[in-house]
Amino acid sequence: MKSEIDEMAKQVEQSRFHNREASNGIPASAFARSIGMRSEGWFQSLFEAGHVSAKWTHHPVTNARILYVSDEDIAAFNRRFLTLPQMQIEFGLHQNTCAARLRAARVAPFSPHGQDFGSLFEREKVETIMRMRN
């Protein structure tokens, strides 16, 4: 009967793999892009070096292992670090102006033990310079 087929279709649809809920948070790669860091694996490198928190989870659709950041992880990152696009928003200055001020004050990007994490700066050093110049 058609009603039985419709009921079976509903059960199959409810059990489909892609209907699983996503993990609490967003993929670290999406967060990295949102703050202007577009290098492949950038956040993962920062995570593996122990400078940020995140967690490995399986993607709800592909089941691939993906690094996710929660709201708490993002807040902790923002308390410690700033990128040039974030500085532009927070201080109301163009990224080039922010970069020039940091160069003039000889504030180097975050680079512990010579590791390159791009244009990532420690918030405490940046805030001091940006507030002194405003």
Protein backbone atom coordinates (compact mmCIF):
# COMPACT_ATOMS: atom_id res chain seq x y z
CA MET A 1 0.00 0.00 0.00
CA LYS A 2 1.10 3.56 -0.67
CA SER A 3 0.82 4.51 3.01
CA GLU A 4 3.25 1.72 3.95
CA ILE A 5 5.74 2.87 1.30
CA ASP A 6 5.44 6.47 2.52
CA GLU A 7 6.10 5.32 6.10
CA MET A 8 9.16 3.32 5.00
CA ALA A 9 10.46 6.36 3.11
CA LYS A 10 10.12 8.50 6.23
CA GLN A 11 12.07 5.98 8.30
CA VAL A 12 14.86 5.83 5.73
CA GLU A 13 15.01 9.63 5.52
CA GLN A 14 15.19 9.94 9.32
CA SER A 15 18.09 7.52 9.52
CA ARG A 16 20.09 8.99 6.65
CA PHE A 17 23.68 9.80 7.46
CA HIS A 18 23.51 13.45 6.43
CA ASN A 19 20.76 14.27 8.90
CA ARG A 20 23.13 13.98 11.86
CA GLU A 21 23.69 17.22 13.72
CA ALA A 22 26.96 19.08 13.42
CA SER A 23 29.30 19.39 16.37
CA ASN A 24 28.95 22.36 18.69
CA GLY A 25 31.05 25.03 17.00
CA ILE A 26 32.42 25.70 13.55
CA PRO A 27 35.26 24.18 11.56
CA ALA A 28 38.57 25.80 12.48
CA SER A 29 39.23 26.49 8.79
CA ALA A 30 36.02 28.56 8.58
CA PHE A 31 37.02 30.50 11.70
CA ALA A 32 40.50 31.12 10.28
CA ARG A 33 39.02 32.50 7.04
CA SER A 34 36.65 34.72 9.03
CA ILE A 35 39.62 36.45 10.70
CA GLY A 36 41.58 36.81 7.47
CA MET A 37 43.95 33.83 7.75
CA ARG A 38 43.51 31.89 4.52
CA SER A 39 46.61 29.67 4.52
CA GLU A 40 45.81 25.97 4.33
CA GLY A 41 46.24 24.31 7.74
CA TRP A 42 47.07 27.57 9.51
CA PHE A 43 44.82 27.05 12.54
CA GLN A 44 45.71 23.36 12.76
CA SER A 45 49.41 24.29 12.99
CA LEU A 46 48.63 26.77 15.75
CA PHE A 47 46.56 24.10 17.54
CA GLU A 48 49.19 21.37 17.19
CA ALA A 49 51.83 23.74 18.59
CA GLY A 50 49.64 24.14 21.69
CA HIS A 51 48.83 27.84 21.32
CA VAL A 52 45.04 27.53 20.88
CA SER A 53 42.29 25.16 21.94
CA ALA A 54 40.00 23.19 19.63
CA LYS A 55 38.82 19.61 19.22
CA TRP A 56 38.80 16.98 16.53
CA THR A 57 35.31 15.89 15.46
CA HIS A 58 33.77 14.00 12.59
CA HIS A 59 31.98 16.08 9.96
CA PRO A 60 28.23 15.30 10.03
CA VAL A 61 27.99 14.73 6.27
CA THR A 62 31.32 13.33 5.11
CA ASN A 63 32.43 11.74 8.38
CA ALA A 64 35.88 13.24 7.75
CA ARG A 65 37.88 14.21 10.83
CA ILE A 66 37.77 18.00 11.15
CA LEU A 67 39.14 20.43 13.70
CA TYR A 68 36.28 22.39 15.30
CA VAL A 69 36.38 25.48 17.52
CA SER A 70 33.70 26.26 20.06
CA ASP A 71 32.56 29.70 21.16
CA GLU A 72 34.84 29.34 24.19
CA ASP A 73 37.81 28.45 21.95
CA ILE A 74 37.14 31.52 19.80
CA ALA A 75 36.84 33.77 22.86
CA ALA A 76 40.14 32.43 24.23
CA PHE A 77 41.82 33.03 20.86
CA ASN A 78 40.50 36.61 20.73
CA ARG A 79 41.70 37.33 24.25
CA ARG A 80 45.24 36.33 23.27
CA PHE A 81 45.68 37.15 19.56
CA LEU A 82 44.77 39.62 16.82
CA THR A 83 45.12 39.49 13.05
CA LEU A 84 45.35 42.55 10.80
CA PRO A 85 41.69 42.27 9.65
CA GLN A 86 40.62 42.07 13.29
CA MET A 87 42.71 45.16 14.10
CA GLN A 88 41.05 47.03 11.27
CA ILE A 89 37.64 46.34 12.78
CA GLU A 90 38.60 46.84 16.40
CA PHE A 91 40.67 50.01 16.05
CA GLY A 92 38.95 51.51 13.00
CA LEU A 93 42.18 51.77 11.03
CA HIS A 94 43.10 50.34 7.65
CA GLN A 95 45.13 47.11 7.78
CA ASN A 96 48.08 48.82 6.12
CA THR A 97 48.04 51.55 8.76
CA CYS A 98 47.98 48.93 11.51
CA ALA A 99 50.86 47.04 9.90
CA ALA A 100 52.89 50.25 9.49
CA ARG A 101 52.37 51.20 13.13
CA LEU A 102 53.42 47.76 14.28
CA ARG A 103 56.54 47.86 12.09
CA ALA A 104 57.43 51.32 13.39
CA ALA A 105 57.10 50.06 16.96
CA ARG A 106 59.09 46.93 16.02
CA VAL A 107 56.30 44.59 17.07
CA ALA A 108 56.92 41.31 15.31
CA PRO A 109 54.26 38.74 14.46
CA PHE A 110 53.77 35.90 16.92
CA SER A 111 56.58 33.46 16.14
CA PRO A 112 57.63 31.28 19.08
CA HIS A 113 60.79 29.27 18.41
CA GLY A 114 60.87 30.65 14.86
CA GLN A 115 57.55 29.09 13.83
CA ASP A 116 55.74 31.12 11.18
CA PHE A 117 52.05 31.70 11.89
CA GLY A 118 51.66 34.58 9.45
CA SER A 119 50.36 38.00 10.47
CA LEU A 120 49.23 36.91 13.91
CA PHE A 121 50.02 39.24 16.80
CA GLU A 122 49.74 39.02 20.56
CA ARG A 123 46.90 41.23 21.71
CA GLU A 124 48.71 42.77 24.67
CA LYS A 125 51.51 44.11 22.45
CA VAL A 126 49.17 45.36 19.73
CA GLU A 127 46.68 47.10 22.01
CA THR A 128 49.43 49.05 23.71
CA ILE A 129 50.81 50.34 20.39
CA MET A 130 47.43 51.10 18.83
CA ARG A 131 46.15 52.94 21.89
CA MET A 132 49.35 54.99 22.25
CA ARG A 133 49.07 56.21 18.66
CA ASN A 134 45.37 57.13 18.72
